[in-house]
Amino acid sequence: MRSKIITFIYTVFILFFVSVVIYSLSLHQRHYIFDSIISAFFMTIFYRYYDDLKFDAASFIFIGIGISLHELGRFGFYGMQFFGINWDIYTHTASSFAMAVILYNILPGRISLGRKWVCLIIFLLTIGIALVGEFIEFSGTIFLKDGQGLLGLESEAGPFSNVSIDYWDTMSDLAMNAAGGILGILYSVLLKR
């Protein structure tokens, strides 16, 4: 059952997304406006169906954080490193972690397969959803004037001189999505024991 704390947490995330939109508009830039609206939409869906999706407070917070990390790019986080790791790595790992937690809350009660098969399906769905995000990023990079894509092209440079930055960005994003999916499944399995 949704508590007042969950409503408060939801409100904080929504206000954050609104602040990103307002900040972008104040700069007369469209970066992150679409992303923030989509983020607020999904956070609202997860809030609305909190009980049906069998969330707990920790899972809901992880989902909000996973969605919000990308939005911090509006404030320059994609150009930063924390503990020697690019911000992009954190965003992809956390968002896939959140996707895996969501799917683990949804699927086990709806399909009658063993836990190993359910976990495999969740992993494949998680990286499949992440792949769609990469296609959106790539398509926006090609079709939008500024070349930033709908979800942005965040990487600065790759570690290998013989690998294009575009390839490095996509492959490192997908690898971190896979890692986040695995961590989200492990978290969910351990939590639901």
N, C-alpha and C. Protein backbone atom coordinates (compact mmCIF):
# COMPACT_ATOMS: atom_id res chain seq x y z
N MET A 1 0.84 -1.18 0.00
CA MET A 1 0.00 0.00 0.00
C MET A 1 0.89 1.25 0.00
N ARG A 2 0.52 2.19 -0.87
CA ARG A 2 1.28 3.45 -0.95
C ARG A 2 1.11 4.24 0.34
N SER A 3 2.20 4.67 0.89
CA SER A 3 2.15 5.47 2.12
C SER A 3 2.37 6.94 1.77
N LYS A 4 2.27 7.78 2.79
CA LYS A 4 2.53 9.21 2.60
C LYS A 4 3.99 9.43 2.23
N ILE A 5 4.86 8.57 2.71
CA ILE A 5 6.28 8.69 2.37
C ILE A 5 6.49 8.46 0.87
N ILE A 6 5.82 7.47 0.31
CA ILE A 6 5.92 7.19 -1.13
C ILE A 6 5.39 8.38 -1.93
N THR A 7 4.28 8.95 -1.47
CA THR A 7 3.73 10.14 -2.14
C THR A 7 4.73 11.30 -2.07
N PHE A 8 5.38 11.48 -0.93
CA PHE A 8 6.38 12.53 -0.79
C PHE A 8 7.56 12.27 -1.73
N ILE A 9 8.05 11.04 -1.77
CA ILE A 9 9.17 10.68 -2.65
C ILE A 9 8.80 10.93 -4.11
N TYR A 10 7.61 10.51 -4.49
CA TYR A 10 7.11 10.73 -5.86
C TYR A 10 7.09 12.23 -6.18
N THR A 11 6.58 13.03 -5.24
CA THR A 11 6.49 14.48 -5.44
C THR A 11 7.87 15.09 -5.63
N VAL A 12 8.85 14.64 -4.84
CA VAL A 12 10.21 15.16 -4.97
C VAL A 12 10.76 14.86 -6.37
N PHE A 13 10.57 13.64 -6.84
CA PHE A 13 11.06 13.31 -8.18
C PHE A 13 10.36 14.12 -9.26
N ILE A 14 9.05 14.29 -9.16
CA ILE A 14 8.31 15.08 -10.14
C ILE A 14 8.78 16.53 -10.13
N LEU A 15 8.98 17.10 -8.96
CA LEU A 15 9.47 18.47 -8.87
C LEU A 15 10.87 18.59 -9.48
N PHE A 16 11.68 17.57 -9.31
CA PHE A 16 13.00 17.57 -9.94
C PHE A 16 12.88 17.61 -11.46
N PHE A 17 12.01 16.76 -12.02
CA PHE A 17 11.83 16.74 -13.49
C PHE A 17 11.29 18.07 -13.99
N VAL A 18 10.37 18.66 -13.26
CA VAL A 18 9.83 19.97 -13.63
C VAL A 18 10.94 21.02 -13.58
N SER A 19 11.80 20.95 -12.58
CA SER A 19 12.89 21.93 -12.48
C SER A 19 13.87 21.80 -13.65
N VAL A 20 14.09 20.59 -14.13
CA VAL A 20 14.96 20.40 -15.30
C VAL A 20 14.34 21.05 -16.53
N VAL A 21 13.03 20.88 -16.70
CA VAL A 21 12.34 21.50 -17.83
C VAL A 21 12.42 23.02 -17.72
N ILE A 22 12.13 23.56 -16.56
CA ILE A 22 12.15 25.02 -16.38
C ILE A 22 13.56 25.57 -16.62
N TYR A 23 14.56 24.89 -16.10
CA TYR A 23 15.94 25.32 -16.30
C TYR A 23 16.31 25.30 -17.78
N SER A 24 15.93 24.24 -18.48
CA SER A 24 16.21 24.15 -19.92
C SER A 24 15.52 25.28 -20.68
N LEU A 25 14.27 25.53 -20.34
CA LEU A 25 13.53 26.62 -21.00
C LEU A 25 14.16 27.97 -20.70
N SER A 26 14.65 28.16 -19.48
CA SER A 26 15.27 29.44 -19.12
C SER A 26 16.55 29.69 -19.92
N LEU A 27 17.19 28.62 -20.37
CA LEU A 27 18.39 28.74 -21.20
C LEU A 27 18.07 28.78 -22.69
N HIS A 28 16.77 28.70 -23.01
CA HIS A 28 16.30 28.65 -24.40
C HIS A 28 16.91 27.46 -25.14
N GLN A 29 16.98 26.32 -24.45
CA GLN A 29 17.49 25.09 -25.04
C GLN A 29 16.45 23.99 -24.84
N ARG A 30 16.43 23.07 -25.78
CA ARG A 30 15.47 21.98 -25.69
C ARG A 30 16.06 20.73 -25.05
N HIS A 31 17.38 20.74 -24.77
CA HIS A 31 18.01 19.57 -24.17
C HIS A 31 17.31 19.17 -22.87
N TYR A 32 16.97 17.93 -22.77
CA TYR A 32 16.39 17.31 -21.57
C TYR A 32 14.92 17.61 -21.34
N ILE A 33 14.29 18.42 -22.16
CA ILE A 33 12.86 18.68 -21.97
C ILE A 33 12.06 17.41 -22.26
N PHE A 34 12.27 16.82 -23.44
CA PHE A 34 11.59 15.58 -23.80
C PHE A 34 11.91 14.50 -22.78
N ASP A 35 13.18 14.37 -22.42
CA ASP A 35 13.61 13.34 -21.48
C ASP A 35 12.91 13.50 -20.13
N SER A 36 12.79 14.74 -19.66
CA SER A 36 12.17 15.00 -18.36
C SER A 36 10.68 14.71 -18.38
N ILE A 37 10.02 15.03 -19.48
CA ILE A 37 8.59 14.75 -19.60
C ILE A 37 8.36 13.24 -19.60
N ILE A 38 9.18 12.50 -20.35
CA ILE A 38 9.06 11.04 -20.37
C ILE A 38 9.36 10.46 -18.99
N SER A 39 10.37 10.99 -18.32
CA SER A 39 10.71 10.53 -16.97
C SER A 39 9.56 10.75 -16.00
N ALA A 40 8.96 11.93 -16.04
CA ALA A 40 7.82 12.22 -15.17
C ALA A 40 6.64 11.31 -15.49
N PHE A 41 6.43 11.04 -16.77
CA PHE A 41 5.35 10.13 -17.18
C PHE A 41 5.55 8.75 -16.58
N PHE A 42 6.75 8.18 -16.74
CA PHE A 42 7.00 6.84 -16.22
C PHE A 42 6.97 6.81 -14.69
N MET A 43 7.49 7.83 -14.05
CA MET A 43 7.44 7.88 -12.58
C MET A 43 5.99 7.92 -12.11
N THR A 44 5.14 8.64 -12.84
CA THR A 44 3.72 8.71 -12.50
C THR A 44 3.05 7.35 -12.68
N ILE A 45 3.37 6.66 -13.76
CA ILE A 45 2.83 5.31 -13.98
C ILE A 45 3.24 4.39 -12.83
N PHE A 46 4.53 4.43 -12.45
CA PHE A 46 5.00 3.56 -11.37
C PHE A 46 4.38 3.94 -10.03
N TYR A 47 4.12 5.21 -9.82
CA TYR A 47 3.45 5.66 -8.60
C TYR A 47 1.99 5.20 -8.61
N ARG A 48 1.34 5.41 -9.72
CA ARG A 48 -0.09 5.05 -9.83
C ARG A 48 -0.31 3.55 -9.61
N TYR A 49 0.58 2.72 -10.15
CA TYR A 49 0.43 1.28 -10.06
C TYR A 49 1.39 0.66 -9.03
N TYR A 50 1.78 1.44 -8.06
CA TYR A 50 2.72 1.02 -7.02
C TYR A 50 2.30 -0.31 -6.39
N ASP A 51 1.05 -0.41 -5.97
CA ASP A 51 0.56 -1.63 -5.32
C ASP A 51 0.45 -2.79 -6.30
N ASP A 52 -0.07 -2.52 -7.49
CA ASP A 52 -0.21 -3.58 -8.50
C ASP A 52 1.14 -4.16 -8.91
N LEU A 53 2.16 -3.32 -8.92
CA LEU A 53 3.50 -3.77 -9.31
C LEU A 53 4.27 -4.36 -8.13
N LYS A 54 3.63 -4.36 -6.95
CA LYS A 54 4.21 -4.96 -5.74
C LYS A 54 5.56 -4.35 -5.37
N PHE A 55 5.64 -3.02 -5.51
CA PHE A 55 6.86 -2.32 -5.13
C PHE A 55 6.96 -2.23 -3.62
N ASP A 56 8.18 -2.08 -3.15
CA ASP A 56 8.42 -1.67 -1.78
C ASP A 56 9.09 -0.30 -1.87
N ALA A 57 9.29 0.34 -0.74
CA ALA A 57 9.83 1.70 -0.75
C ALA A 57 11.22 1.75 -1.39
N ALA A 58 12.08 0.79 -1.05
CA ALA A 58 13.44 0.79 -1.60
C ALA A 58 13.41 0.65 -3.13
N SER A 59 12.59 -0.25 -3.64
CA SER A 59 12.50 -0.44 -5.09
C SER A 59 12.02 0.84 -5.77
N PHE A 60 11.02 1.49 -5.18
CA PHE A 60 10.49 2.72 -5.76
C PHE A 60 11.56 3.81 -5.78
N ILE A 61 12.34 3.90 -4.72
CA ILE A 61 13.42 4.90 -4.67
C ILE A 61 14.49 4.58 -5.71
N PHE A 62 14.87 3.29 -5.82
CA PHE A 62 15.86 2.90 -6.83
C PHE A 62 15.38 3.26 -8.24
N ILE A 63 14.11 3.05 -8.49
CA ILE A 63 13.55 3.38 -9.81
C ILE A 63 13.64 4.89 -10.05
N GLY A 64 13.25 5.67 -9.06
CA GLY A 64 13.33 7.13 -9.20
C GLY A 64 14.76 7.61 -9.42
N ILE A 65 15.69 7.03 -8.69
CA ILE A 65 17.10 7.41 -8.86
C ILE A 65 17.59 7.00 -10.24
N GLY A 66 17.24 5.78 -10.65
CA GLY A 66 17.66 5.30 -11.97
C GLY A 66 17.16 6.20 -13.09
N ILE A 67 15.94 6.68 -12.96
CA ILE A 67 15.37 7.58 -13.96
C ILE A 67 16.02 8.97 -13.87
N SER A 68 16.28 9.43 -12.66
CA SER A 68 16.77 10.80 -12.44
C SER A 68 18.23 11.03 -12.80
N LEU A 69 19.05 10.00 -12.71
CA LEU A 69 20.49 10.20 -12.96
C LEU A 69 20.75 10.80 -14.34
N HIS A 70 20.01 10.35 -15.33
CA HIS A 70 20.19 10.90 -16.68
C HIS A 70 19.87 12.40 -16.70
N GLU A 71 18.84 12.79 -15.98
CA GLU A 71 18.41 14.20 -15.99
C GLU A 71 19.46 15.14 -15.39
N LEU A 72 20.33 14.60 -14.54
CA LEU A 72 21.39 15.44 -13.97
C LEU A 72 22.39 15.88 -15.05
N GLY A 73 22.34 15.24 -16.20
CA GLY A 73 23.16 15.67 -17.33
C GLY A 73 22.87 17.10 -17.73
N ARG A 74 21.65 17.56 -17.49
CA ARG A 74 21.28 18.95 -17.79
C ARG A 74 22.18 19.92 -17.04
N PHE A 75 22.70 19.48 -15.91
CA PHE A 75 23.54 20.34 -15.07
C PHE A 75 25.02 20.01 -15.21
N GLY A 76 25.37 19.33 -16.30
CA GLY A 76 26.78 19.09 -16.62
C GLY A 76 27.39 17.81 -16.07
N PHE A 77 26.59 16.92 -15.51
CA PHE A 77 27.15 15.72 -14.91
C PHE A 77 27.81 14.79 -15.92
N TYR A 78 27.36 14.81 -17.18
CA TYR A 78 27.97 13.90 -18.16
C TYR A 78 29.42 14.26 -18.45
N GLY A 79 29.83 15.43 -18.10
CA GLY A 79 31.23 15.81 -18.27
C GLY A 79 32.07 15.52 -17.03
N MET A 80 31.48 14.86 -16.04
CA MET A 80 32.17 14.61 -14.77
C MET A 80 32.50 13.14 -14.59
N GLN A 81 33.43 12.90 -13.70
CA GLN A 81 33.76 11.55 -13.26
C GLN A 81 33.65 11.50 -11.75
N PHE A 82 33.21 10.37 -11.25
CA PHE A 82 33.16 10.14 -9.82
C PHE A 82 33.88 8.82 -9.55
N PHE A 83 34.87 8.87 -8.69
CA PHE A 83 35.72 7.71 -8.40
C PHE A 83 36.37 7.18 -9.67
N GLY A 84 36.71 8.09 -10.59
CA GLY A 84 37.38 7.72 -11.83
C GLY A 84 36.47 7.08 -12.88
N ILE A 85 35.16 7.14 -12.67
CA ILE A 85 34.20 6.52 -13.59
C ILE A 85 33.31 7.60 -14.16
N ASN A 86 33.14 7.60 -15.50
CA ASN A 86 32.28 8.58 -16.17
C ASN A 86 30.83 8.46 -15.70
N TRP A 87 30.17 9.61 -15.63
CA TRP A 87 28.78 9.67 -15.21
C TRP A 87 27.89 8.77 -16.06
N ASP A 88 28.17 8.65 -17.35
CA ASP A 88 27.40 7.82 -18.26
C ASP A 88 27.33 6.38 -17.78
N ILE A 89 28.40 5.88 -17.21
CA ILE A 89 28.44 4.51 -16.70
C ILE A 89 27.42 4.35 -15.57
N TYR A 90 27.38 5.32 -14.66
CA TYR A 90 26.43 5.27 -13.56
C TYR A 90 24.98 5.29 -14.06
N THR A 91 24.71 6.15 -15.03
CA THR A 91 23.32 6.28 -15.50
C THR A 91 22.82 4.99 -16.13
N HIS A 92 23.65 4.37 -16.96
CA HIS A 92 23.20 3.14 -17.63
C HIS A 92 23.08 1.98 -16.65
N THR A 93 24.01 1.88 -15.73
CA THR A 93 23.95 0.80 -14.74
C THR A 93 22.71 0.97 -13.86
N ALA A 94 22.49 2.18 -13.36
CA ALA A 94 21.36 2.42 -12.45
C ALA A 94 20.01 2.28 -13.16
N SER A 95 19.90 2.76 -14.40
CA SER A 95 18.61 2.64 -15.08
C SER A 95 18.27 1.19 -15.39
N SER A 96 19.26 0.40 -15.76
CA SER A 96 18.98 -1.03 -16.02
C SER A 96 18.73 -1.79 -14.72
N PHE A 97 19.40 -1.39 -13.66
CA PHE A 97 19.12 -1.95 -12.34
C PHE A 97 17.64 -1.73 -12.03
N ALA A 98 17.18 -0.50 -12.22
CA ALA A 98 15.78 -0.16 -11.94
C ALA A 98 14.83 -0.95 -12.84
N MET A 99 15.17 -1.07 -14.13
CA MET A 99 14.31 -1.86 -15.03
C MET A 99 14.20 -3.30 -14.57
N ALA A 100 15.31 -3.90 -14.16
CA ALA A 100 15.29 -5.28 -13.70
C ALA A 100 14.44 -5.43 -12.44
N VAL A 101 14.52 -4.46 -11.53
CA VAL A 101 13.71 -4.50 -10.32
C VAL A 101 12.23 -4.42 -10.67
N ILE A 102 11.88 -3.52 -11.59
CA ILE A 102 10.49 -3.40 -12.04
C ILE A 102 10.00 -4.72 -12.61
N LEU A 103 10.78 -5.27 -13.53
CA LEU A 103 10.38 -6.51 -14.19
C LEU A 103 10.31 -7.68 -13.20
N TYR A 104 11.21 -7.70 -12.22
CA TYR A 104 11.16 -8.78 -11.23
C TYR A 104 9.92 -8.66 -10.35
N ASN A 105 9.44 -7.46 -10.15
CA ASN A 105 8.20 -7.29 -9.40
C ASN A 105 6.98 -7.70 -10.22
N ILE A 106 7.07 -7.56 -11.53
CA ILE A 106 5.93 -7.82 -12.41
C ILE A 106 5.84 -9.29 -12.83
N LEU A 107 6.92 -9.87 -13.31
CA LEU A 107 6.86 -11.15 -14.02
C LEU A 107 6.67 -12.42 -13.20
N PRO A 108 7.36 -12.64 -12.10
CA PRO A 108 7.28 -13.96 -11.46
C PRO A 108 5.87 -14.44 -11.14
N GLY A 109 4.98 -13.58 -10.76
CA GLY A 109 3.61 -14.00 -10.47
C GLY A 109 2.74 -14.18 -11.71
N ARG A 110 3.25 -13.78 -12.86
CA ARG A 110 2.44 -13.81 -14.09
C ARG A 110 2.85 -14.90 -15.08
N ILE A 111 4.03 -15.47 -14.91
CA ILE A 111 4.44 -16.56 -15.78
C ILE A 111 4.89 -17.74 -14.92
N SER A 112 4.53 -18.92 -15.34
CA SER A 112 4.82 -20.10 -14.53
C SER A 112 6.05 -20.83 -15.08
N LEU A 113 7.19 -20.24 -14.79
CA LEU A 113 8.48 -20.84 -15.12
C LEU A 113 9.33 -20.82 -13.86
N GLY A 114 10.37 -21.61 -13.87
CA GLY A 114 11.29 -21.60 -12.75
C GLY A 114 11.99 -20.26 -12.62
N ARG A 115 12.54 -20.00 -11.44
CA ARG A 115 13.18 -18.71 -11.18
C ARG A 115 14.33 -18.43 -12.14
N LYS A 116 15.11 -19.44 -12.51
CA LYS A 116 16.23 -19.22 -13.43
C LYS A 116 15.73 -18.72 -14.79
N TRP A 117 14.63 -19.29 -15.28
CA TRP A 117 14.08 -18.85 -16.57
C TRP A 117 13.51 -17.44 -16.48
N VAL A 118 12.84 -17.16 -15.37
CA VAL A 118 12.29 -15.82 -15.17
C VAL A 118 13.43 -14.79 -15.14
N CYS A 119 14.51 -15.13 -14.45
CA CYS A 119 15.66 -14.21 -14.37
C CYS A 119 16.29 -14.01 -15.75
N LEU A 120 16.37 -15.07 -16.56
CA LEU A 120 16.90 -14.94 -17.92
C LEU A 120 15.99 -14.04 -18.77
N ILE A 121 14.69 -14.23 -18.66
CA ILE A 121 13.74 -13.40 -19.41
C ILE A 121 13.87 -11.93 -18.97
N ILE A 122 13.99 -11.69 -17.67
CA ILE A 122 14.15 -10.32 -17.17
C ILE A 122 15.43 -9.70 -17.71
N PHE A 123 16.52 -10.46 -17.69
CA PHE A 123 17.78 -9.96 -18.22
C PHE A 123 17.64 -9.59 -19.70
N LEU A 124 17.05 -10.48 -20.49
CA LEU A 124 16.89 -10.21 -21.93
C LEU A 124 15.97 -9.01 -22.18
N LEU A 125 14.90 -8.90 -21.41
CA LEU A 125 14.01 -7.74 -21.55
C LEU A 125 14.74 -6.44 -21.17
N THR A 126 15.53 -6.51 -20.11
CA THR A 126 16.26 -5.32 -19.67
C THR A 126 17.22 -4.82 -20.74
N ILE A 127 18.02 -5.73 -21.31
CA ILE A 127 18.96 -5.27 -22.33
C ILE A 127 18.23 -4.93 -23.63
N GLY A 128 17.08 -5.56 -23.87
CA GLY A 128 16.28 -5.20 -25.04
C GLY A 128 15.72 -3.79 -24.93
N ILE A 129 15.21 -3.44 -23.76
CA ILE A 129 14.71 -2.08 -23.53
C ILE A 129 15.85 -1.07 -23.66
N ALA A 130 17.01 -1.42 -23.10
CA ALA A 130 18.18 -0.54 -23.22
C ALA A 130 18.59 -0.35 -24.67
N LEU A 131 18.48 -1.40 -25.46
CA LEU A 131 18.83 -1.31 -26.88
C LEU A 131 17.89 -0.34 -27.60
N VAL A 132 16.63 -0.36 -27.26
CA VAL A 132 15.68 0.59 -27.85
C VAL A 132 16.13 2.01 -27.51
N GLY A 133 16.57 2.23 -26.26
CA GLY A 133 17.08 3.55 -25.87
C GLY A 133 18.28 3.97 -26.71
N GLU A 134 19.15 3.02 -27.02
CA GLU A 134 20.31 3.33 -27.86
C GLU A 134 19.87 3.68 -29.29
N PHE A 135 18.86 2.99 -29.79
CA PHE A 135 18.33 3.33 -31.12
C PHE A 135 17.74 4.74 -31.13
N ILE A 136 17.04 5.09 -30.06
CA ILE A 136 16.47 6.44 -29.96
C ILE A 136 17.59 7.47 -29.93
N GLU A 137 18.62 7.22 -29.14
CA GLU A 137 19.76 8.14 -29.07
C GLU A 137 20.41 8.29 -30.44
N PHE A 138 20.64 7.19 -31.11
CA PHE A 138 21.28 7.20 -32.43
C PHE A 138 20.41 7.93 -33.46
N SER A 139 19.11 7.63 -33.48
CA SER A 139 18.20 8.26 -34.44
C SER A 139 18.14 9.77 -34.24
N GLY A 140 18.07 10.19 -32.99
CA GLY A 140 18.06 11.62 -32.71
C GLY A 140 19.33 12.30 -33.14
N THR A 141 20.46 11.60 -32.97
CA THR A 141 21.75 12.15 -33.37
C THR A 141 21.78 12.40 -34.88
N ILE A 142 21.15 11.52 -35.63
CA ILE A 142 21.13 11.66 -37.09
C ILE A 142 20.11 12.71 -37.54
N PHE A 143 18.93 12.71 -36.94
CA PHE A 143 17.83 13.51 -37.47
C PHE A 143 17.61 14.87 -36.83
N LEU A 144 18.19 15.13 -35.66
CA LEU A 144 18.01 16.43 -35.03
C LEU A 144 19.18 17.35 -35.37
N LYS A 145 18.90 18.65 -35.45
CA LYS A 145 19.89 19.63 -35.91
C LYS A 145 21.17 19.66 -35.09
N ASP A 146 21.05 19.60 -33.77
CA ASP A 146 22.23 19.77 -32.94
C ASP A 146 23.08 18.51 -32.80
N GLY A 147 22.59 17.37 -33.31
CA GLY A 147 23.36 16.14 -33.27
C GLY A 147 23.43 15.50 -31.90
N GLN A 148 22.69 16.01 -30.94
CA GLN A 148 22.75 15.46 -29.59
C GLN A 148 21.82 14.27 -29.39
N GLY A 149 20.89 14.04 -30.26
CA GLY A 149 19.99 12.92 -30.08
C GLY A 149 18.88 13.26 -29.11
N LEU A 150 17.91 12.37 -29.03
CA LEU A 150 16.80 12.59 -28.12
C LEU A 150 17.23 12.34 -26.68
N LEU A 151 18.10 11.38 -26.48
CA LEU A 151 18.59 11.09 -25.13
C LEU A 151 20.02 11.56 -24.94
N GLY A 152 20.59 12.21 -25.93
CA GLY A 152 21.93 12.78 -25.83
C GLY A 152 23.03 11.81 -26.17
N LEU A 153 24.11 12.34 -26.69
CA LEU A 153 25.33 11.58 -26.94
C LEU A 153 26.32 12.09 -25.91
N GLU A 154 26.54 11.30 -24.85
CA GLU A 154 27.23 11.85 -23.69
C GLU A 154 28.73 11.60 -23.66
N SER A 155 29.24 10.57 -24.29
CA SER A 155 30.64 10.22 -24.11
C SER A 155 31.57 11.28 -24.69
N GLU A 156 32.65 11.49 -24.00
CA GLU A 156 33.65 12.46 -24.44
C GLU A 156 34.68 11.79 -25.35
N ALA A 157 35.18 10.64 -24.94
CA ALA A 157 36.20 9.92 -25.70
C ALA A 157 36.27 8.49 -25.20
N GLY A 158 36.73 7.59 -26.06
CA GLY A 158 36.90 6.20 -25.67
C GLY A 158 38.36 5.91 -25.33
N PRO A 159 38.61 4.77 -24.71
CA PRO A 159 39.98 4.46 -24.29
C PRO A 159 40.87 3.88 -25.39
N PHE A 160 40.28 3.57 -26.54
CA PHE A 160 41.05 2.94 -27.60
C PHE A 160 41.09 3.85 -28.83
N SER A 161 42.28 4.12 -29.34
CA SER A 161 42.41 5.03 -30.47
C SER A 161 41.84 4.44 -31.76
N ASN A 162 41.75 3.12 -31.84
CA ASN A 162 41.24 2.50 -33.06
C ASN A 162 39.73 2.24 -33.03
N VAL A 163 39.05 2.74 -31.99
CA VAL A 163 37.60 2.55 -31.87
C VAL A 163 36.93 3.92 -31.91
N SER A 164 35.99 4.07 -32.82
CA SER A 164 35.23 5.32 -32.94
C SER A 164 34.52 5.64 -31.63
N ILE A 165 34.42 6.93 -31.29
CA ILE A 165 33.73 7.35 -30.08
C ILE A 165 32.27 6.90 -30.10
N ASP A 166 31.66 6.91 -31.28
CA ASP A 166 30.26 6.48 -31.38
C ASP A 166 30.10 5.01 -31.04
N TYR A 167 31.00 4.17 -31.55
CA TYR A 167 30.96 2.75 -31.21
C TYR A 167 31.21 2.55 -29.72
N TRP A 168 32.22 3.26 -29.21
CA TRP A 168 32.55 3.12 -27.79
C TRP A 168 31.36 3.53 -26.92
N ASP A 169 30.70 4.63 -27.26
CA ASP A 169 29.56 5.10 -26.49
C ASP A 169 28.47 4.03 -26.45
N THR A 170 28.11 3.51 -27.62
CA THR A 170 27.04 2.53 -27.68
C THR A 170 27.40 1.24 -26.97
N MET A 171 28.58 0.71 -27.22
CA MET A 171 28.95 -0.57 -26.62
C MET A 171 29.16 -0.46 -25.11
N SER A 172 29.77 0.63 -24.64
CA SER A 172 29.93 0.77 -23.19
C SER A 172 28.57 0.97 -22.52
N ASP A 173 27.66 1.70 -23.18
CA ASP A 173 26.30 1.85 -22.65
C ASP A 173 25.62 0.50 -22.51
N LEU A 174 25.68 -0.31 -23.55
CA LEU A 174 25.02 -1.62 -23.52
C LEU A 174 25.67 -2.55 -22.50
N ALA A 175 26.99 -2.50 -22.37
CA ALA A 175 27.67 -3.34 -21.37
C ALA A 175 27.23 -2.94 -19.95
N MET A 176 27.11 -1.64 -19.71
CA MET A 176 26.68 -1.19 -18.38
C MET A 176 25.21 -1.49 -18.15
N ASN A 177 24.40 -1.46 -19.21
CA ASN A 177 23.01 -1.87 -19.08
C ASN A 177 22.93 -3.35 -18.69
N ALA A 178 23.77 -4.17 -19.29
CA ALA A 178 23.79 -5.59 -18.94
C ALA A 178 24.21 -5.77 -17.47
N ALA A 179 25.25 -5.06 -17.05
CA ALA A 179 25.70 -5.16 -15.67
C ALA A 179 24.61 -4.70 -14.69
N GLY A 180 23.95 -3.59 -15.02
CA GLY A 180 22.87 -3.10 -14.17
C GLY A 180 21.71 -4.08 -14.10
N GLY A 181 21.39 -4.71 -15.23
CA GLY A 181 20.33 -5.71 -15.24
C GLY A 181 20.65 -6.89 -14.34
N ILE A 182 21.88 -7.35 -14.42
CA ILE A 182 22.31 -8.48 -13.57
C ILE A 182 22.25 -8.08 -12.09
N LEU A 183 22.75 -6.89 -11.76
CA LEU A 183 22.71 -6.43 -10.37
C LEU A 183 21.27 -6.27 -9.86
N GLY A 184 20.38 -5.76 -10.72
CA GLY A 184 18.98 -5.61 -10.35
C GLY A 184 18.30 -6.95 -10.09
N ILE A 185 18.64 -7.94 -10.91
CA ILE A 185 18.08 -9.29 -10.72
C ILE A 185 18.60 -9.87 -9.41
N LEU A 186 19.90 -9.76 -9.17
CA LEU A 186 20.47 -10.28 -7.92
C LEU A 186 19.85 -9.61 -6.70
N TYR A 187 19.72 -8.29 -6.76
CA TYR A 187 19.07 -7.56 -5.66
C TYR A 187 17.67 -8.09 -5.43
N SER A 188 16.89 -8.24 -6.50
CA SER A 188 15.50 -8.68 -6.38
C SER A 188 15.39 -10.11 -5.85
N VAL A 189 16.25 -10.98 -6.35
CA VAL A 189 16.23 -12.37 -5.89
C VAL A 189 16.56 -12.43 -4.40
N LEU A 190 17.58 -11.69 -3.97
CA LEU A 190 17.95 -11.69 -2.56
C LEU A 190 16.88 -11.06 -1.69
N LEU A 191 16.23 -10.00 -2.20
CA LEU A 191 15.19 -9.31 -1.43
C LEU A 191 13.95 -10.17 -1.28
N LYS A 192 13.62 -10.95 -2.31
CA LYS A 192 12.36 -11.72 -2.32
C LYS A 192 12.50 -13.12 -1.75
N ARG A 193 13.65 -13.45 -1.17
CA ARG A 193 13.84 -14.81 -0.63
C ARG A 193 12.86 -15.13 0.44
